[in-house]
Amino acid sequence: THPEPKYGLAVVGLNRPDRVLAKGGARAGDALILTKPLGSGAVTTALKRGTAGADDVRAAVDSMARLNAGAARILAAAGADVHAMTDVTGFGLAGHGHEMAVQSGLALRFRTADLPVLPGALVCLEAGARPGGARRNAEHYGRFARVADGVDPLRVDLAYDPQTSGGLLAAVDPGAIERVLAAFTEAGEPVWRIGEAVAGDAGGLILD
């Protein structure tokens, strides 16, 4: 027995192969965008410990409850200008970014100062509310990462934080990025530009 309820889902459907946005396909120079802030793992861990603020929990729940459908429609409408996409869930930004980089045959650079953060998440991390999944992510994916001097360690932790109902990470043609960002703004959908795809060892991560 366990005090928390658990359930699983299976989704079956049809899609057109020419409309599938795969993890692989990012190209050097592509802009990387993210559609939800990070830190849900830290906030929910703090909640379990009884140390999370009510407003911070509410913000995390609101983010987790928001569907990715709107963001997905915008990216699908951009067509060939979106070269690769994945969701960011249990492996964190670093883990799912590594998967995109491996399948694309290049590296991803994340500007840690530009990573969007849920309210209170950095405070929770600083207080030690680091879920077990974050430690495992850092142990596994950390070997692919190069962290620049002077980067805030808490923002490195944020990259490994496992997300529940996280956002979409997409690699967008640099010539179309402003148009794609404008479409998000027009639709009232949040989005952040967080880095770029670069030539390098397949699967490499650069945190600067």
Protein backbone atom coordinates (compact mmCIF):
# COMPACT_ATOMS: atom_id res chain seq x y z
CA THR A 1 0.00 0.00 0.00
CA HIS A 2 1.02 3.59 -0.53
CA PRO A 3 -0.50 6.85 0.72
CA GLU A 4 -0.58 8.37 -2.78
CA PRO A 5 -2.97 7.12 -5.47
CA LYS A 6 -1.44 5.96 -8.75
CA TYR A 7 -2.91 5.28 -12.13
CA GLY A 8 -1.74 4.68 -15.69
CA LEU A 9 -3.04 5.59 -19.11
CA ALA A 10 -2.56 4.29 -22.64
CA VAL A 11 -3.32 6.42 -25.69
CA VAL A 12 -4.01 4.90 -29.09
CA GLY A 13 -4.63 6.94 -32.21
CA LEU A 14 -3.71 7.72 -35.78
CA ASN A 15 -1.44 10.39 -37.18
CA ARG A 16 -0.04 11.32 -40.55
CA PRO A 17 3.66 10.40 -40.79
CA ASP A 18 4.44 13.66 -42.58
CA ARG A 19 3.06 15.63 -39.62
CA VAL A 20 4.99 13.87 -36.87
CA LEU A 21 7.52 16.05 -35.03
CA ALA A 22 10.29 13.71 -33.89
CA LYS A 23 13.03 14.15 -31.29
CA GLY A 24 15.71 13.92 -33.95
CA GLY A 25 16.22 16.45 -36.71
CA ALA A 26 17.58 19.52 -34.92
CA ARG A 27 20.20 21.43 -36.93
CA ALA A 28 23.17 23.49 -35.80
CA GLY A 29 21.99 27.07 -35.34
CA ASP A 30 18.41 26.15 -34.42
CA ALA A 31 16.86 28.16 -31.61
CA LEU A 32 15.68 26.13 -28.61
CA ILE A 33 12.39 27.08 -26.99
CA LEU A 34 10.57 25.75 -23.92
CA THR A 35 6.86 26.15 -23.24
CA LYS A 36 6.62 25.64 -19.47
CA PRO A 37 8.80 26.72 -16.54
CA LEU A 38 10.95 24.19 -14.70
CA GLY A 39 11.00 23.19 -11.06
CA SER A 40 7.88 21.12 -10.45
CA GLY A 41 9.96 18.29 -8.98
CA ALA A 42 11.53 20.58 -6.40
CA VAL A 43 8.24 22.23 -5.43
CA THR A 44 6.34 18.95 -5.07
CA THR A 45 9.20 17.46 -3.05
CA ALA A 46 9.04 20.46 -0.73
CA LEU A 47 5.27 19.98 -0.52
CA LYS A 48 5.76 16.39 0.65
CA ARG A 49 8.13 17.69 3.32
CA GLY A 50 5.66 20.34 4.40
CA THR A 51 8.00 23.21 3.51
CA ALA A 52 6.48 24.54 0.26
CA GLY A 53 4.65 27.86 0.26
CA ALA A 54 0.97 27.76 -0.68
CA ASP A 55 1.41 30.24 -3.53
CA ASP A 56 4.32 28.27 -4.93
CA VAL A 57 2.33 25.04 -4.85
CA ARG A 58 -0.59 26.75 -6.56
CA ALA A 59 1.66 28.03 -9.34
CA ALA A 60 3.16 24.57 -9.84
CA VAL A 61 -0.27 22.93 -9.96
CA ASP A 62 -1.53 25.51 -12.44
CA SER A 63 1.48 24.84 -14.67
CA MET A 64 1.09 21.06 -14.47
CA ALA A 65 -2.64 21.33 -15.19
CA ARG A 66 -2.13 23.42 -18.32
CA LEU A 67 -2.26 21.25 -21.42
CA ASN A 68 0.44 21.31 -24.07
CA ALA A 69 -2.24 21.29 -26.77
CA GLY A 70 -2.05 25.02 -27.51
CA ALA A 71 1.73 25.02 -27.79
CA ALA A 72 1.64 21.87 -29.92
CA ARG A 73 -0.82 23.46 -32.35
CA ILE A 74 1.41 26.49 -32.81
CA LEU A 75 4.48 24.33 -33.42
CA ALA A 76 2.59 22.05 -35.79
CA ALA A 77 1.37 25.09 -37.74
CA ALA A 78 4.98 26.22 -38.15
CA GLY A 79 5.50 23.10 -40.25
CA ALA A 80 8.99 22.52 -41.61
CA ASP A 81 10.40 25.40 -39.54
CA VAL A 82 10.26 23.17 -36.45
CA HIS A 83 13.01 20.60 -36.90
CA ALA A 84 12.64 18.57 -33.68
CA MET A 85 10.48 18.44 -30.57
CA THR A 86 10.08 16.50 -27.34
CA ASP A 87 8.27 16.89 -24.06
CA VAL A 88 10.20 17.49 -20.85
CA THR A 89 9.13 15.07 -18.13
CA GLY A 90 10.89 12.69 -15.76
CA PHE A 91 14.39 12.93 -17.22
CA GLY A 92 14.36 16.70 -16.86
CA LEU A 93 15.50 19.26 -19.40
CA ALA A 94 18.99 17.76 -19.46
CA GLY A 95 17.82 14.20 -20.04
CA HIS A 96 15.28 14.95 -22.75
CA GLY A 97 17.66 17.49 -24.28
CA HIS A 98 20.33 14.80 -24.41
CA GLU A 99 17.91 12.49 -26.24
CA MET A 100 17.18 15.22 -28.81
CA ALA A 101 20.89 15.92 -29.22
CA VAL A 102 21.79 12.24 -29.67
CA GLN A 103 19.13 11.66 -32.30
CA SER A 104 20.11 14.87 -34.08
CA GLY A 105 23.84 14.16 -34.07
CA LEU A 106 24.84 17.40 -32.36
CA ALA A 107 24.95 19.21 -29.01
CA LEU A 108 22.54 21.55 -27.26
CA ARG A 109 23.56 24.74 -25.47
CA PHE A 110 21.26 25.98 -22.71
CA ARG A 111 21.62 29.50 -21.33
CA THR A 112 20.94 28.76 -17.68
CA ALA A 113 20.05 32.37 -16.86
CA ASP A 114 17.23 32.16 -19.43
CA LEU A 115 15.69 28.96 -18.09
CA PRO A 116 12.14 29.72 -16.88
CA VAL A 117 11.59 28.83 -13.23
CA LEU A 118 8.42 28.15 -11.26
CA PRO A 119 7.96 30.49 -8.28
CA GLY A 120 9.80 29.18 -5.26
CA ALA A 121 11.56 26.36 -7.10
CA LEU A 122 15.07 27.70 -6.59
CA VAL A 123 14.33 28.35 -2.93
CA CYS A 124 13.14 24.74 -2.59
CA LEU A 125 16.31 23.46 -4.28
CA GLU A 126 18.49 25.62 -2.05
CA ALA A 127 16.71 24.16 0.98
CA GLY A 128 17.54 20.64 -0.20
CA ALA A 129 14.17 19.66 -1.71
CA ARG A 130 15.80 17.71 -4.50
CA PRO A 131 13.81 14.67 -5.62
CA GLY A 132 15.51 11.32 -6.03
CA GLY A 133 14.89 11.48 -9.76
CA ALA A 134 16.99 14.64 -9.97
CA ARG A 135 19.94 12.88 -8.39
CA ARG A 136 19.62 9.97 -10.78
CA ASN A 137 19.30 12.34 -13.74
CA ALA A 138 22.45 14.20 -12.68
CA GLU A 139 24.37 10.95 -12.20
CA HIS A 140 23.41 9.64 -15.64
CA TYR A 141 23.21 12.73 -17.84
CA GLY A 142 25.86 14.76 -16.05
CA ARG A 143 28.58 12.87 -17.92
CA PHE A 144 27.34 14.44 -21.16
CA ALA A 145 27.21 17.97 -19.76
CA ARG A 146 29.82 20.71 -19.72
CA VAL A 147 29.07 23.46 -17.21
CA ALA A 148 30.66 26.84 -17.80
CA ASP A 149 32.54 28.61 -15.03
CA GLY A 150 30.38 30.83 -12.88
CA VAL A 151 27.06 29.12 -13.61
CA ASP A 152 24.72 29.09 -10.59
CA PRO A 153 24.71 25.49 -9.26
CA LEU A 154 21.00 25.80 -8.46
CA ARG A 155 20.29 26.42 -12.14
CA VAL A 156 22.30 23.35 -13.02
CA ASP A 157 20.14 21.41 -10.53
CA LEU A 158 17.10 22.89 -12.28
CA ALA A 159 18.18 21.31 -15.57
CA TYR A 160 18.12 17.86 -13.92
CA ASP A 161 14.85 18.40 -12.04
CA PRO A 162 12.24 15.80 -13.12
CA GLN A 163 9.05 17.41 -14.37
CA THR A 164 5.48 16.26 -14.02
CA SER A 165 3.45 17.42 -17.01
CA GLY A 166 6.32 19.54 -18.25
CA GLY A 167 6.43 21.65 -21.37
CA LEU A 168 7.65 21.11 -24.91
CA LEU A 169 11.26 21.59 -25.99
CA ALA A 170 11.53 22.47 -29.67
CA ALA A 171 14.33 23.24 -32.11
CA VAL A 172 13.20 25.99 -34.50
CA ASP A 173 14.84 27.29 -37.66
CA PRO A 174 16.61 30.54 -36.72
CA GLY A 175 15.05 32.29 -39.70
CA ALA A 176 11.57 31.53 -38.36
CA ILE A 177 12.06 31.90 -34.62
CA GLU A 178 10.69 35.44 -34.33
CA ARG A 179 7.59 34.46 -36.28
CA VAL A 180 7.06 31.40 -34.07
CA LEU A 181 7.54 33.41 -30.87
CA ALA A 182 5.06 35.99 -32.16
CA ALA A 183 2.50 33.22 -32.76
CA PHE A 184 2.86 32.14 -29.12
CA THR A 185 2.37 35.71 -27.94
CA GLU A 186 -0.68 36.19 -30.14
CA ALA A 187 -2.23 32.99 -28.80
CA GLY A 188 -1.49 33.89 -25.18
CA GLU A 189 0.72 30.82 -24.80
CA PRO A 190 3.91 31.12 -22.70
CA VAL A 191 7.24 30.38 -24.33
CA TRP A 192 10.90 31.01 -23.57
CA ARG A 193 13.94 31.01 -25.81
CA ILE A 194 16.58 29.12 -23.83
CA GLY A 195 19.48 28.27 -26.12
CA GLU A 196 20.51 26.82 -29.43
CA ALA A 197 21.62 23.64 -31.15
CA VAL A 198 25.34 23.63 -31.95
CA ALA A 199 27.82 21.43 -33.74
CA GLY A 200 29.47 19.05 -31.30
CA ASP A 201 29.53 15.52 -29.96
CA ALA A 202 26.17 13.85 -30.42
CA GLY A 203 24.27 14.11 -27.16
CA GLY A 204 26.45 16.79 -25.65
CA LEU A 205 24.98 19.40 -23.32
CA ILE A 206 26.49 22.81 -22.67
CA LEU A 207 25.22 24.76 -19.68
CA ASP A 208 26.45 28.33 -19.70
